[in-house]
Protein backbone atom coordinates (compact mmCIF):
# COMPACT_ATOMS: atom_id res chain seq x y z
CA UNK A 1 92.82 94.44 45.79
CA UNK A 2 92.64 93.67 49.47
CA UNK A 3 88.92 92.84 49.45
CA UNK A 4 89.51 90.28 46.72
CA UNK A 5 92.21 88.52 48.74
CA UNK A 6 89.96 88.54 51.82
CA UNK A 7 87.06 87.09 49.86
CA UNK A 8 89.28 84.37 48.40
CA UNK A 9 90.61 83.51 51.85
CA UNK A 10 87.05 83.33 53.21
CA UNK A 11 85.94 81.08 50.34
CA UNK A 12 88.93 78.80 50.89
CA UNK A 13 88.14 78.54 54.59
CA UNK A 14 84.48 77.78 53.95
CA UNK A 15 85.24 75.11 51.36
CA UNK A 16 87.66 73.38 53.74
CA UNK A 17 85.17 73.39 56.63
CA UNK A 18 82.84 70.66 55.27
CA UNK A 19 85.81 68.35 54.71
CA UNK A 20 86.94 68.87 58.29
CA UNK A 21 83.44 68.18 59.62
CA UNK A 22 83.10 65.09 57.43
CA UNK A 23 86.39 63.66 58.67
CA UNK A 24 85.40 64.41 62.25
CA UNK A 25 81.98 62.72 61.94
CA UNK A 26 83.12 59.55 60.15
CA UNK A 27 83.49 57.62 63.40
CA UNK A 28 79.98 58.57 64.50
CA UNK A 29 78.37 58.30 61.05
CA UNK A 30 78.10 54.51 61.04
CA UNK A 31 74.49 53.59 61.66
CA UNK A 32 73.74 50.78 64.11
CA UNK A 33 72.61 47.49 62.58
CA UNK A 34 68.84 47.46 62.40
CA UNK A 35 65.90 45.55 61.05
CA UNK A 36 63.03 47.45 59.52
CA UNK A 37 59.53 46.05 59.70
CA UNK A 38 57.40 46.76 56.63
CA UNK A 39 54.65 49.34 57.02
CA UNK A 40 51.83 48.08 59.20
CA UNK A 41 48.24 49.07 58.44
CA UNK A 42 46.28 49.50 61.66
CA UNK A 43 42.53 50.14 61.69
CA UNK A 44 41.25 53.15 63.58
CA UNK A 45 38.07 51.93 65.23
CA UNK A 46 35.44 54.36 66.52
CA UNK A 47 32.21 53.03 68.07
CA UNK A 48 32.83 49.58 66.62
CA UNK A 49 33.32 50.86 63.05
CA UNK A 50 36.56 51.15 61.10
CA UNK A 51 36.87 54.88 60.56
CA UNK A 52 40.21 54.96 58.73
CA UNK A 53 43.60 53.30 58.75
CA UNK A 54 46.86 54.42 60.30
CA UNK A 55 50.16 53.21 58.93
CA UNK A 56 53.23 52.70 61.12
CA UNK A 57 56.77 51.65 60.41
CA UNK A 58 58.83 49.95 63.12
CA UNK A 59 62.62 49.81 63.17
CA UNK A 60 64.56 47.76 65.71
CA UNK A 61 68.14 48.81 66.28
CA UNK A 62 70.22 45.82 67.29
CA UNK A 63 72.64 45.97 70.19
CA UNK A 64 74.81 43.24 68.68
CA UNK A 65 75.74 43.35 64.99
CA UNK A 66 76.26 39.58 64.98
CA UNK A 67 72.48 39.13 65.44
CA UNK A 68 71.65 40.92 62.17
CA UNK A 69 71.57 37.80 59.98
CA UNK A 70 69.44 35.94 62.50
CA UNK A 71 67.06 38.91 62.74
CA UNK A 72 66.78 39.13 58.96
CA UNK A 73 66.07 35.41 58.73
CA UNK A 74 63.32 35.75 61.34
CA UNK A 75 61.90 38.94 59.84
CA UNK A 76 58.46 37.46 58.99
CA UNK A 77 58.07 36.12 62.53
CA UNK A 78 59.22 39.45 63.98
CA UNK A 79 56.71 41.32 61.81
CA UNK A 80 53.93 39.00 62.98
CA UNK A 81 54.93 39.53 66.62
CA UNK A 82 55.03 43.32 66.19
CA UNK A 83 51.61 43.32 64.52
CA UNK A 84 50.22 41.23 67.40
CA UNK A 85 51.64 43.71 69.90
CA UNK A 86 50.13 46.66 68.02
CA UNK A 87 46.67 45.04 67.90
CA UNK A 88 46.93 44.24 71.62
CA UNK A 89 47.91 47.87 72.22
CA UNK A 90 44.71 49.01 70.51
CA UNK A 91 42.74 46.77 72.87
CA UNK A 92 44.61 48.10 75.89
CA UNK A 93 44.06 51.73 74.89
CA UNK A 94 47.69 52.50 74.05
CA UNK A 95 46.70 53.46 70.50
CA UNK A 96 43.66 55.72 70.47
CA UNK A 97 42.10 56.87 67.17
CA UNK A 98 45.37 56.17 65.37
CA UNK A 99 47.56 58.07 67.85
CA UNK A 100 50.00 56.33 70.14
CA UNK A 101 48.94 57.32 73.65
CA UNK A 102 51.54 55.25 75.53
CA UNK A 103 54.66 55.04 73.35
CA UNK A 104 56.94 53.87 76.16
CA UNK A 105 54.84 50.83 76.97
CA UNK A 106 54.35 50.05 73.27
CA UNK A 107 58.11 50.21 72.58
CA UNK A 108 58.77 47.99 75.60
CA UNK A 109 56.28 45.36 74.42
CA UNK A 110 57.72 45.41 70.89
CA UNK A 111 61.20 45.12 72.39
CA UNK A 112 60.12 42.10 74.47
CA UNK A 113 58.51 40.45 71.44
CA UNK A 114 61.67 40.95 69.39
CA UNK A 115 63.93 39.69 72.15
CA UNK A 116 61.84 36.56 72.54
CA UNK A 117 62.70 35.73 68.91
CA UNK A 118 66.28 37.04 68.59
CA UNK A 119 67.63 36.77 72.13
CA UNK A 120 67.89 38.70 75.37
CA UNK A 121 69.44 42.17 75.24
CA UNK A 122 69.72 41.93 71.45
CA UNK A 123 67.62 45.03 70.72
CA UNK A 124 69.06 48.42 71.65
CA UNK A 125 66.15 50.64 70.64
CA UNK A 126 62.71 50.47 69.03
CA UNK A 127 61.64 53.28 66.73
CA UNK A 128 57.97 53.69 65.77
CA UNK A 129 57.25 56.07 62.92
CA UNK A 130 53.76 57.02 61.80
CA UNK A 131 53.82 56.91 58.00
CA UNK A 132 50.32 58.00 57.04
CA UNK A 133 46.58 57.71 57.38
CA UNK A 134 43.86 57.00 54.92
CA UNK A 135 40.09 57.13 55.03
CA UNK A 136 38.06 53.98 55.18
CA UNK A 137 35.95 52.85 52.27
CA UNK A 138 32.28 53.94 52.33
């Protein structure tokens, strides 16, 4: 009989633990306001030929939640600015064969481009996520 009571007590403790963790993490669970740039197709050029395409997704976390509506309204302009920065990064050698060789500089340039459209110190962090690659057409 004792093992049954111990098992029941253990199950009760384990079932209460997730609720305690959930209540504890509610303050931290709120995600910062952010604007997500649609996936960007970037050509991977080797010896002057398009070898394949790399796909990146860029997310800008905003430092000020009040700028979210303005950022959403300017989303097409922000996407254009980000794409311009990525193509410039290919020319400067920051993206080599589809891999980001200098992520710090690339994030900083994207941050500057976003701030020029939304406002100074409006972007807290820039996240660049490689989504996929595909072969070029023959």
